[in-house]
Amino acid sequence: MSAKKLPAPPYYAVIFVNQRSEEDGEGYGQTADHMVELAQQQEGYLGIESVRDAKGKGITVSYWRDMNAIKDWKNNLEHSDARNNGRDKWYEDYQLQIAKVEQGYRWIKS
């Protein structure tokens, strides 16, 4: 997954660092895919990038126009259900940080 071209700053990044449980929780992949689709429909959504290593450590960064958009996403009922399943079944631990992006650039090898 990658973020589409982001707008000029400022905007916000929600950084979700997590460690998957040893047991592969049923429904994780489908739920993760659905959360991306659902987030894309949220007002203020700008993009997402996500990686996971072989040991289950993952980092997902979603980008948002403002704090109100992040709050609305947090309060989405399906997202809340997925968060509860994550705590109960899919994650050993996670942390979430919200950062305001003041400046950024991108380089692509041509």
C-alpha atoms as a PDB file:
ATOM      1  CA  MET A   1       0.000   0.000   0.000  1.00  0.00           C
ATOM      2  CA  SER A   2       1.237   3.465  -0.631  1.00  0.00           C
ATOM      3  CA  ALA A   3       0.018   6.967  -0.157  1.00  0.00           C
ATOM      4  CA  LYS A   4      -1.202   8.786  -3.199  1.00  0.00           C
ATOM      5  CA  LYS A   5       0.433  12.119  -3.886  1.00  0.00           C
ATOM      6  CA  LEU A   6       0.022  14.040  -0.666  1.00  0.00           C
ATOM      7  CA  PRO A   7      -0.975  17.694  -0.570  1.00  0.00           C
ATOM      8  CA  ALA A   8       1.380  20.434   0.502  1.00  0.00           C
ATOM      9  CA  PRO A   9       1.794  20.476   4.293  1.00  0.00           C
ATOM     10  CA  PRO A  10       0.475  20.963   6.832  1.00  0.00           C
ATOM     11  CA  TYR A  11      -1.451  17.718   7.288  1.00  0.00           C
ATOM     12  CA  TYR A  12      -1.391  14.947   9.894  1.00  0.00           C
ATOM     13  CA  ALA A  13       0.171  11.499  10.079  1.00  0.00           C
ATOM     14  CA  VAL A  14      -1.218   8.775  12.337  1.00  0.00           C
ATOM     15  CA  ILE A  15       1.601   6.328  13.057  1.00  0.00           C
ATOM     16  CA  PHE A  16       0.447   2.865  14.165  1.00  0.00           C
ATOM     17  CA  VAL A  17       3.287   0.562  15.270  1.00  0.00           C
ATOM     18  CA  ASN A  18       2.187  -2.926  16.238  1.00  0.00           C
ATOM     19  CA  GLN A  19       3.307  -6.457  16.979  1.00  0.00           C
ATOM     20  CA  ARG A  20       1.045  -9.233  15.743  1.00  0.00           C
ATOM     21  CA  SER A  21       0.202 -12.103  18.081  1.00  0.00           C
ATOM     22  CA  GLU A  22       1.938 -15.442  17.545  1.00  0.00           C
ATOM     23  CA  GLU A  23      -1.348 -17.002  16.474  1.00  0.00           C
ATOM     24  CA  ASP A  24      -2.677 -15.745  13.172  1.00  0.00           C
ATOM     25  CA  GLY A  25      -6.059 -14.428  14.237  1.00  0.00           C
ATOM     26  CA  GLU A  26      -8.902 -15.427  11.984  1.00  0.00           C
ATOM     27  CA  GLY A  27     -10.218 -12.597   9.858  1.00  0.00           C
ATOM     28  CA  TYR A  28      -7.240 -10.276  10.281  1.00  0.00           C
ATOM     29  CA  GLY A  29      -6.397  -9.884   6.588  1.00  0.00           C
ATOM     30  CA  GLN A  30      -9.989  -9.273   5.543  1.00  0.00           C
ATOM     31  CA  THR A  31     -10.505  -6.778   8.333  1.00  0.00           C
ATOM     32  CA  ALA A  32      -7.271  -4.913   7.546  1.00  0.00           C
ATOM     33  CA  ASP A  33      -8.236  -4.647   3.879  1.00  0.00           C
ATOM     34  CA  HIS A  34     -11.733  -3.477   4.813  1.00  0.00           C
ATOM     35  CA  MET A  35     -10.337  -0.816   7.162  1.00  0.00           C
ATOM     36  CA  VAL A  36      -8.248   0.627   4.306  1.00  0.00           C
ATOM     37  CA  GLU A  37     -11.319   0.697   2.044  1.00  0.00           C
ATOM     38  CA  LEU A  38     -13.391   2.293   4.800  1.00  0.00           C
ATOM     39  CA  ALA A  39     -10.726   4.893   5.643  1.00  0.00           C
ATOM     40  CA  GLN A  40     -10.530   5.868   1.972  1.00  0.00           C
ATOM     41  CA  GLN A  41     -14.209   6.835   2.172  1.00  0.00           C
ATOM     42  CA  GLN A  42     -13.701   9.067   5.224  1.00  0.00           C
ATOM     43  CA  GLU A  43     -13.762  12.821   4.756  1.00  0.00           C
ATOM     44  CA  GLY A  44     -10.224  14.154   5.173  1.00  0.00           C
ATOM     45  CA  TYR A  45      -8.396  10.909   4.311  1.00  0.00           C
ATOM     46  CA  LEU A  46      -5.224  11.533   2.265  1.00  0.00           C
ATOM     47  CA  GLY A  47      -3.431   8.182   1.993  1.00  0.00           C
ATOM     48  CA  ILE A  48      -1.786   5.239   3.740  1.00  0.00           C
ATOM     49  CA  GLU A  49       1.501   3.321   3.767  1.00  0.00           C
ATOM     50  CA  SER A  50       2.063   0.019   5.564  1.00  0.00           C
ATOM     51  CA  VAL A  51       4.860  -2.527   6.057  1.00  0.00           C
ATOM     52  CA  ARG A  52       5.248  -5.706   8.132  1.00  0.00           C
ATOM     53  CA  ASP A  53       8.346  -7.825   8.753  1.00  0.00           C
ATOM     54  CA  ALA A  54       8.578 -11.630   8.944  1.00  0.00           C
ATOM     55  CA  LYS A  55       8.307 -11.551  12.753  1.00  0.00           C
ATOM     56  CA  GLY A  56       4.992  -9.691  12.697  1.00  0.00           C
ATOM     57  CA  LYS A  57       6.178  -6.157  13.501  1.00  0.00           C
ATOM     58  CA  GLY A  58       4.155  -3.663  11.489  1.00  0.00           C
ATOM     59  CA  ILE A  59       4.101   0.060  10.853  1.00  0.00           C
ATOM     60  CA  THR A  60       1.165   1.786   9.207  1.00  0.00           C
ATOM     61  CA  VAL A  61       1.087   5.514   8.584  1.00  0.00           C
ATOM     62  CA  SER A  62      -2.194   7.060   7.527  1.00  0.00           C
ATOM     63  CA  TYR A  63      -2.408  10.668   6.405  1.00  0.00           C
ATOM     64  CA  TRP A  64      -5.257  13.048   7.246  1.00  0.00           C
ATOM     65  CA  ARG A  65      -6.226  16.621   6.454  1.00  0.00           C
ATOM     66  CA  ASP A  66      -6.851  17.642  10.082  1.00  0.00           C
ATOM     67  CA  MET A  67      -7.501  16.462  13.633  1.00  0.00           C
ATOM     68  CA  ASN A  68     -11.272  16.434  13.089  1.00  0.00           C
ATOM     69  CA  ALA A  69     -10.866  13.853  10.304  1.00  0.00           C
ATOM     70  CA  ILE A  70      -8.719  11.707  12.614  1.00  0.00           C
ATOM     71  CA  LYS A  71     -11.332  11.985  15.386  1.00  0.00           C
ATOM     72  CA  ASP A  72     -14.117  11.008  12.988  1.00  0.00           C
ATOM     73  CA  TRP A  73     -12.096   7.966  11.855  1.00  0.00           C
ATOM     74  CA  LYS A  74     -11.428   6.944  15.460  1.00  0.00           C
ATOM     75  CA  ASN A  75     -15.156   7.168  16.212  1.00  0.00           C
ATOM     76  CA  ASN A  76     -16.227   5.140  13.143  1.00  0.00           C
ATOM     77  CA  LEU A  77     -18.145   2.138  14.532  1.00  0.00           C
ATOM     78  CA  GLU A  78     -16.585  -0.459  12.219  1.00  0.00           C
ATOM     79  CA  HIS A  79     -13.133   0.895  12.994  1.00  0.00           C
ATOM     80  CA  SER A  80     -13.931   0.698  16.710  1.00  0.00           C
ATOM     81  CA  ASP A  81     -14.996  -2.963  16.333  1.00  0.00           C
ATOM     82  CA  ALA A  82     -11.778  -3.748  14.458  1.00  0.00           C
ATOM     83  CA  ARG A  83      -9.742  -2.013  17.176  1.00  0.00           C
ATOM     84  CA  ASN A  84     -11.430  -4.180  19.821  1.00  0.00           C
ATOM     85  CA  ASN A  85     -10.694  -7.338  17.813  1.00  0.00           C
ATOM     86  CA  GLY A  86      -7.084  -6.205  17.513  1.00  0.00           C
ATOM     87  CA  ARG A  87      -6.780  -5.957  21.285  1.00  0.00           C
ATOM     88  CA  ASP A  88      -8.546  -9.279  21.844  1.00  0.00           C
ATOM     89  CA  LYS A  89      -7.053 -11.405  19.058  1.00  0.00           C
ATOM     90  CA  TRP A  90      -4.495  -9.926  16.682  1.00  0.00           C
ATOM     91  CA  TYR A  91      -1.924  -7.834  18.543  1.00  0.00           C
ATOM     92  CA  GLU A  92       0.562  -8.429  21.338  1.00  0.00           C
ATOM     93  CA  ASP A  93       0.952  -4.670  21.663  1.00  0.00           C
ATOM     94  CA  TYR A  94       0.638  -1.485  19.696  1.00  0.00           C
ATOM     95  CA  GLN A  95       1.282   2.203  19.971  1.00  0.00           C
ATOM     96  CA  LEU A  96      -0.256   5.085  18.115  1.00  0.00           C
ATOM     97  CA  GLN A  97       1.165   8.543  17.604  1.00  0.00           C
ATOM     98  CA  ILE A  98      -0.254  11.551  15.802  1.00  0.00           C
ATOM     99  CA  ALA A  99       2.141  14.028  14.221  1.00  0.00           C
ATOM    100  CA  LYS A 100       1.555  17.245  12.341  1.00  0.00           C
ATOM    101  CA  VAL A 101       3.564  17.243   9.122  1.00  0.00           C
ATOM    102  CA  GLU A 102       4.986  20.723   8.659  1.00  0.00           C
ATOM    103  CA  GLN A 103       7.303  19.977   5.762  1.00  0.00           C
ATOM    104  CA  GLY A 104       7.998  17.088   3.426  1.00  0.00           C
ATOM    105  CA  TYR A 105       9.427  16.115   0.080  1.00  0.00           C
ATOM    106  CA  ARG A 106       9.702  13.058  -2.121  1.00  0.00           C
ATOM    107  CA  TRP A 107      12.479  11.829  -4.408  1.00  0.00           C
ATOM    108  CA  ILE A 108      11.920   9.139  -7.061  1.00  0.00           C
ATOM    109  CA  LYS A 109      14.753   7.639  -9.064  1.00  0.00           C
ATOM    110  CA  SER A 110      14.129   8.202 -12.753  1.00  0.00           C
END
